Amino acid sequence: MSALTCLEPSTNSLDALAALVRGQDAPVLIAGRSSVLVAAALAQRVPVLGVWLEPGPDYPIVLAARDVATLTWLSALEHVVIDAPNPTAHVAALAAMLTNDEITFTNEVAHVVGAYNRPAPSRSLTLWYVEGHELVGPAERLVLAGRRVEASGTLRDFATVSR
């Protein structure tokens, strides 16, 4: 992976959003308060390859895990970005909950005992977290390379930096 594009929609028009997603060179992550709903709605129109989630008190990571697991069955989801305080704890909790097995897990952001999150995702996911203006993944970092405002939403491009 050398680039990702984050789309924060500013319209409710699925046709307009689908056209914007189709016009991108990099895989697109859907962001915003309704990222999971928008990604699910777009799934039959375009290959939405990621969601940008902001777990917190109003949207606990256990609910995000349920949403991610469901979304993998509805779309071609490959990437999940966590944008939250203590992001590595959120990523660890999310990773622990993406299984068909019984889940017992405790860290700073989640306490789960004897729970299930079935069905598990239909494919492996790449989990990222936000650190400043960078996305940190398991094998690389992507840096914010640009921001564009279009009629249907704001796009943020992330790319590897040549050193």
C-alpha atoms as a PDB file:
ATOM      1  CA  MET A   1       0.000   0.000   0.000  1.00  0.00           C
ATOM      2  CA  SER A   2       1.398   3.360  -0.895  1.00  0.00           C
ATOM      3  CA  ALA A   3      -1.676   5.597  -0.635  1.00  0.00           C
ATOM      4  CA  LEU A   4      -5.151   5.934   0.846  1.00  0.00           C
ATOM      5  CA  THR A   5      -7.777   8.634   0.335  1.00  0.00           C
ATOM      6  CA  CYS A   6     -10.187   9.622   3.091  1.00  0.00           C
ATOM      7  CA  LEU A   7     -13.574  11.006   2.021  1.00  0.00           C
ATOM      8  CA  GLU A   8     -15.706  12.989   4.429  1.00  0.00           C
ATOM      9  CA  PRO A   9     -19.046  13.338   2.605  1.00  0.00           C
ATOM     10  CA  SER A  10     -20.866  16.664   2.452  1.00  0.00           C
ATOM     11  CA  THR A  11     -23.873  15.375   0.513  1.00  0.00           C
ATOM     12  CA  ASN A  12     -26.519  12.700   0.997  1.00  0.00           C
ATOM     13  CA  SER A  13     -26.521  11.876  -2.722  1.00  0.00           C
ATOM     14  CA  LEU A  14     -25.202   8.337  -3.128  1.00  0.00           C
ATOM     15  CA  ASP A  15     -24.821   8.904  -6.883  1.00  0.00           C
ATOM     16  CA  ALA A  16     -22.585  11.935  -6.289  1.00  0.00           C
ATOM     17  CA  LEU A  17     -20.528  10.102  -3.647  1.00  0.00           C
ATOM     18  CA  ALA A  18     -20.144   7.028  -5.865  1.00  0.00           C
ATOM     19  CA  ALA A  19     -18.908   9.218  -8.725  1.00  0.00           C
ATOM     20  CA  LEU A  20     -16.394  10.896  -6.409  1.00  0.00           C
ATOM     21  CA  VAL A  21     -15.139   7.518  -5.120  1.00  0.00           C
ATOM     22  CA  ARG A  22     -14.810   6.154  -8.680  1.00  0.00           C
ATOM     23  CA  GLY A  23     -12.644   9.138  -9.588  1.00  0.00           C
ATOM     24  CA  GLN A  24      -9.936   8.381  -7.025  1.00  0.00           C
ATOM     25  CA  ASP A  25      -6.695   6.543  -7.771  1.00  0.00           C
ATOM     26  CA  ALA A  26      -6.159   5.269  -4.223  1.00  0.00           C
ATOM     27  CA  PRO A  27      -8.479   3.097  -2.128  1.00  0.00           C
ATOM     28  CA  VAL A  28     -11.121   5.273  -0.443  1.00  0.00           C
ATOM     29  CA  LEU A  29     -11.947   5.343   3.259  1.00  0.00           C
ATOM     30  CA  ILE A  30     -15.337   6.778   4.229  1.00  0.00           C
ATOM     31  CA  ALA A  31     -15.152   9.112   7.236  1.00  0.00           C
ATOM     32  CA  GLY A  32     -17.625  11.110   9.309  1.00  0.00           C
ATOM     33  CA  ARG A  33     -20.203  10.387  11.963  1.00  0.00           C
ATOM     34  CA  SER A  34     -22.108   8.020   9.658  1.00  0.00           C
ATOM     35  CA  SER A  35     -19.110   6.388   7.979  1.00  0.00           C
ATOM     36  CA  VAL A  36     -20.369   2.823   8.449  1.00  0.00           C
ATOM     37  CA  LEU A  37     -23.847   3.650   7.141  1.00  0.00           C
ATOM     38  CA  VAL A  38     -22.495   5.538   4.124  1.00  0.00           C
ATOM     39  CA  ALA A  39     -20.005   2.757   3.342  1.00  0.00           C
ATOM     40  CA  ALA A  40     -22.785   0.150   3.518  1.00  0.00           C
ATOM     41  CA  ALA A  41     -25.045   2.243   1.291  1.00  0.00           C
ATOM     42  CA  LEU A  42     -22.274   2.709  -1.282  1.00  0.00           C
ATOM     43  CA  ALA A  43     -21.186  -0.951  -1.238  1.00  0.00           C
ATOM     44  CA  GLN A  44     -23.371  -1.998  -4.171  1.00  0.00           C
ATOM     45  CA  ARG A  45     -22.261   0.973  -6.293  1.00  0.00           C
ATOM     46  CA  VAL A  46     -18.500   1.206  -5.766  1.00  0.00           C
ATOM     47  CA  PRO A  47     -15.774  -0.763  -4.018  1.00  0.00           C
ATOM     48  CA  VAL A  48     -15.562   1.086  -0.698  1.00  0.00           C
ATOM     49  CA  LEU A  49     -12.350  -0.249   0.745  1.00  0.00           C
ATOM     50  CA  GLY A  50     -12.253   1.382   4.136  1.00  0.00           C
ATOM     51  CA  VAL A  51     -13.886   3.236   6.984  1.00  0.00           C
ATOM     52  CA  TRP A  52     -12.512   5.890   9.321  1.00  0.00           C
ATOM     53  CA  LEU A  53     -13.946   5.365  12.804  1.00  0.00           C
ATOM     54  CA  GLU A  54     -13.900   7.639  15.841  1.00  0.00           C
ATOM     55  CA  PRO A  55     -14.728   5.417  18.812  1.00  0.00           C
ATOM     56  CA  GLY A  56     -15.373   7.046  22.153  1.00  0.00           C
ATOM     57  CA  PRO A  57     -17.983   7.263  24.925  1.00  0.00           C
ATOM     58  CA  ASP A  58     -20.859   7.626  22.425  1.00  0.00           C
ATOM     59  CA  TYR A  59     -19.529   4.924  20.082  1.00  0.00           C
ATOM     60  CA  PRO A  60     -17.588   2.301  22.076  1.00  0.00           C
ATOM     61  CA  ILE A  61     -15.041   0.140  20.308  1.00  0.00           C
ATOM     62  CA  VAL A  62     -17.211  -2.953  20.913  1.00  0.00           C
ATOM     63  CA  LEU A  63     -19.965  -1.409  18.758  1.00  0.00           C
ATOM     64  CA  ALA A  64     -17.383  -0.386  16.171  1.00  0.00           C
ATOM     65  CA  ALA A  65     -16.187  -4.013  16.047  1.00  0.00           C
ATOM     66  CA  ARG A  66     -19.737  -5.199  15.415  1.00  0.00           C
ATOM     67  CA  ASP A  67     -20.115  -2.633  12.625  1.00  0.00           C
ATOM     68  CA  VAL A  68     -16.779  -3.565  11.039  1.00  0.00           C
ATOM     69  CA  ALA A  69     -17.571  -7.280  11.085  1.00  0.00           C
ATOM     70  CA  THR A  70     -20.955  -6.647   9.457  1.00  0.00           C
ATOM     71  CA  LEU A  71     -19.503  -4.281   6.874  1.00  0.00           C
ATOM     72  CA  THR A  72     -17.007  -6.904   5.679  1.00  0.00           C
ATOM     73  CA  TRP A  73     -19.958  -9.046   4.616  1.00  0.00           C
ATOM     74  CA  LEU A  74     -21.621  -6.159   2.771  1.00  0.00           C
ATOM     75  CA  SER A  75     -18.625  -4.603   1.034  1.00  0.00           C
ATOM     76  CA  ALA A  76     -15.037  -5.072  -0.066  1.00  0.00           C
ATOM     77  CA  LEU A  77     -13.788  -3.587   3.212  1.00  0.00           C
ATOM     78  CA  GLU A  78     -10.012  -3.897   3.598  1.00  0.00           C
ATOM     79  CA  HIS A  79      -8.952  -0.953   5.789  1.00  0.00           C
ATOM     80  CA  VAL A  80     -10.143   0.440   9.112  1.00  0.00           C
ATOM     81  CA  VAL A  81      -8.686   3.640  10.564  1.00  0.00           C
ATOM     82  CA  ILE A  82      -9.120   4.371  14.260  1.00  0.00           C
ATOM     83  CA  ASP A  83      -9.054   8.049  15.215  1.00  0.00           C
ATOM     84  CA  ALA A  84      -9.360   8.210  18.996  1.00  0.00           C
ATOM     85  CA  PRO A  85      -7.431   8.964  22.153  1.00  0.00           C
ATOM     86  CA  ASN A  86      -5.242   5.979  23.039  1.00  0.00           C
ATOM     87  CA  PRO A  87      -5.433   4.656  19.465  1.00  0.00           C
ATOM     88  CA  THR A  88      -3.211   1.606  19.972  1.00  0.00           C
ATOM     89  CA  ALA A  89      -5.519   0.345  22.735  1.00  0.00           C
ATOM     90  CA  HIS A  90      -8.515   0.836  20.437  1.00  0.00           C
ATOM     91  CA  VAL A  91      -6.789  -1.040  17.603  1.00  0.00           C
ATOM     92  CA  ALA A  92      -5.858  -3.886  19.971  1.00  0.00           C
ATOM     93  CA  ALA A  93      -9.439  -4.118  21.222  1.00  0.00           C
ATOM     94  CA  LEU A  94     -10.840  -4.046  17.689  1.00  0.00           C
ATOM     95  CA  ALA A  95      -8.420  -6.753  16.547  1.00  0.00           C
ATOM     96  CA  ALA A  96      -9.351  -8.938  19.522  1.00  0.00           C
ATOM     97  CA  MET A  97     -13.050  -8.692  18.710  1.00  0.00           C
ATOM     98  CA  LEU A  98     -12.850  -9.630  15.021  1.00  0.00           C
ATOM     99  CA  THR A  99     -13.172 -13.377  15.537  1.00  0.00           C
ATOM    100  CA  ASN A 100     -15.782 -16.127  15.700  1.00  0.00           C
ATOM    101  CA  ASP A 101     -14.251 -17.343  18.955  1.00  0.00           C
ATOM    102  CA  GLU A 102     -15.353 -16.445  22.452  1.00  0.00           C
ATOM    103  CA  ILE A 103     -13.816 -13.097  23.385  1.00  0.00           C
ATOM    104  CA  THR A 104     -12.345 -12.233  26.758  1.00  0.00           C
ATOM    105  CA  PHE A 105     -10.285  -9.085  26.529  1.00  0.00           C
ATOM    106  CA  THR A 106      -9.445  -6.155  28.786  1.00  0.00           C
ATOM    107  CA  ASN A 107      -7.414  -3.024  28.211  1.00  0.00           C
ATOM    108  CA  GLU A 108      -7.785   0.725  28.747  1.00  0.00           C
ATOM    109  CA  VAL A 109     -10.725   1.078  26.331  1.00  0.00           C
ATOM    110  CA  ALA A 110     -12.594  -2.240  26.476  1.00  0.00           C
ATOM    111  CA  HIS A 111     -13.592  -4.893  28.965  1.00  0.00           C
ATOM    112  CA  VAL A 112     -15.212  -7.882  27.301  1.00  0.00           C
ATOM    113  CA  VAL A 113     -15.818 -11.226  28.988  1.00  0.00           C
ATOM    114  CA  GLY A 114     -17.263 -14.291  27.290  1.00  0.00           C
ATOM    115  CA  ALA A 115     -18.692 -12.378  24.326  1.00  0.00           C
ATOM    116  CA  TYR A 116     -19.087 -13.251  20.651  1.00  0.00           C
ATOM    117  CA  ASN A 117     -18.953 -11.033  17.575  1.00  0.00           C
ATOM    118  CA  ARG A 118     -20.281 -13.398  14.934  1.00  0.00           C
ATOM    119  CA  PRO A 119     -19.947 -13.699  12.082  1.00  0.00           C
ATOM    120  CA  ALA A 120     -16.314 -12.679  12.052  1.00  0.00           C
ATOM    121  CA  PRO A 121     -15.078 -10.607   9.127  1.00  0.00           C
ATOM    122  CA  SER A 122     -15.042 -12.459   5.849  1.00  0.00           C
ATOM    123  CA  ARG A 123     -11.467 -11.338   5.113  1.00  0.00           C
ATOM    124  CA  SER A 124      -8.352 -10.033   6.855  1.00  0.00           C
ATOM    125  CA  LEU A 125      -8.345  -6.301   7.494  1.00  0.00           C
ATOM    126  CA  THR A 126      -5.545  -3.781   7.769  1.00  0.00           C
ATOM    127  CA  LEU A 127      -6.018  -1.769  10.950  1.00  0.00           C
ATOM    128  CA  TRP A 128      -4.565   1.753  11.048  1.00  0.00           C
ATOM    129  CA  TYR A 129      -4.546   4.476  13.672  1.00  0.00           C
ATOM    130  CA  VAL A 130      -4.106   8.227  13.484  1.00  0.00           C
ATOM    131  CA  GLU A 131      -0.982   9.789  14.940  1.00  0.00           C
ATOM    132  CA  GLY A 132      -0.868  13.500  14.229  1.00  0.00           C
ATOM    133  CA  HIS A 133      -1.066  13.871  10.441  1.00  0.00           C
ATOM    134  CA  GLU A 134      -0.075  10.259   9.804  1.00  0.00           C
ATOM    135  CA  LEU A 135      -1.797   6.904   9.490  1.00  0.00           C
ATOM    136  CA  VAL A 136       0.139   4.158  11.246  1.00  0.00           C
ATOM    137  CA  GLY A 137      -0.404   0.625   9.988  1.00  0.00           C
ATOM    138  CA  PRO A 138       1.151  -2.703  10.828  1.00  0.00           C
ATOM    139  CA  ALA A 139       3.877  -2.367   8.188  1.00  0.00           C
ATOM    140  CA  GLU A 140       4.058   1.301   7.199  1.00  0.00           C
ATOM    141  CA  ARG A 141       3.160   4.905   7.874  1.00  0.00           C
ATOM    142  CA  LEU A 142       1.247   7.125   5.486  1.00  0.00           C
ATOM    143  CA  VAL A 143       1.536  10.891   5.762  1.00  0.00           C
ATOM    144  CA  LEU A 144      -1.108  13.492   4.919  1.00  0.00           C
ATOM    145  CA  ALA A 145      -0.092  14.580   1.429  1.00  0.00           C
ATOM    146  CA  GLY A 146      -2.975  16.861   0.492  1.00  0.00           C
ATOM    147  CA  ARG A 147      -6.518  17.999   1.087  1.00  0.00           C
ATOM    148  CA  ARG A 148      -9.118  18.734  -1.593  1.00  0.00           C
ATOM    149  CA  VAL A 149     -12.632  20.087  -1.255  1.00  0.00           C
ATOM    150  CA  GLU A 150     -15.099  18.816  -3.863  1.00  0.00           C
ATOM    151  CA  ALA A 151     -18.834  19.466  -4.181  1.00  0.00           C
ATOM    152  CA  SER A 152     -19.651  16.068  -2.636  1.00  0.00           C
ATOM    153  CA  GLY A 153     -17.055  16.001   0.125  1.00  0.00           C
ATOM    154  CA  THR A 154     -13.603  16.708   1.450  1.00  0.00           C
ATOM    155  CA  LEU A 155     -10.789  14.376   0.430  1.00  0.00           C
ATOM    156  CA  ARG A 156      -7.583  13.856   2.374  1.00  0.00           C
ATOM    157  CA  ASP A 157      -4.799  12.006   0.580  1.00  0.00           C
ATOM    158  CA  PHE A 158      -2.299   9.946   2.545  1.00  0.00           C
ATOM    159  CA  ALA A 159       0.868   8.562   0.943  1.00  0.00           C
ATOM    160  CA  THR A 160       4.237   7.128   1.810  1.00  0.00           C
ATOM    161  CA  VAL A 161       7.045   9.624   1.939  1.00  0.00           C
ATOM    162  CA  SER A 162      10.218   9.019  -0.044  1.00  0.00           C
ATOM    163  CA  ARG A 163      13.253   9.262   2.178  1.00  0.00           C
END
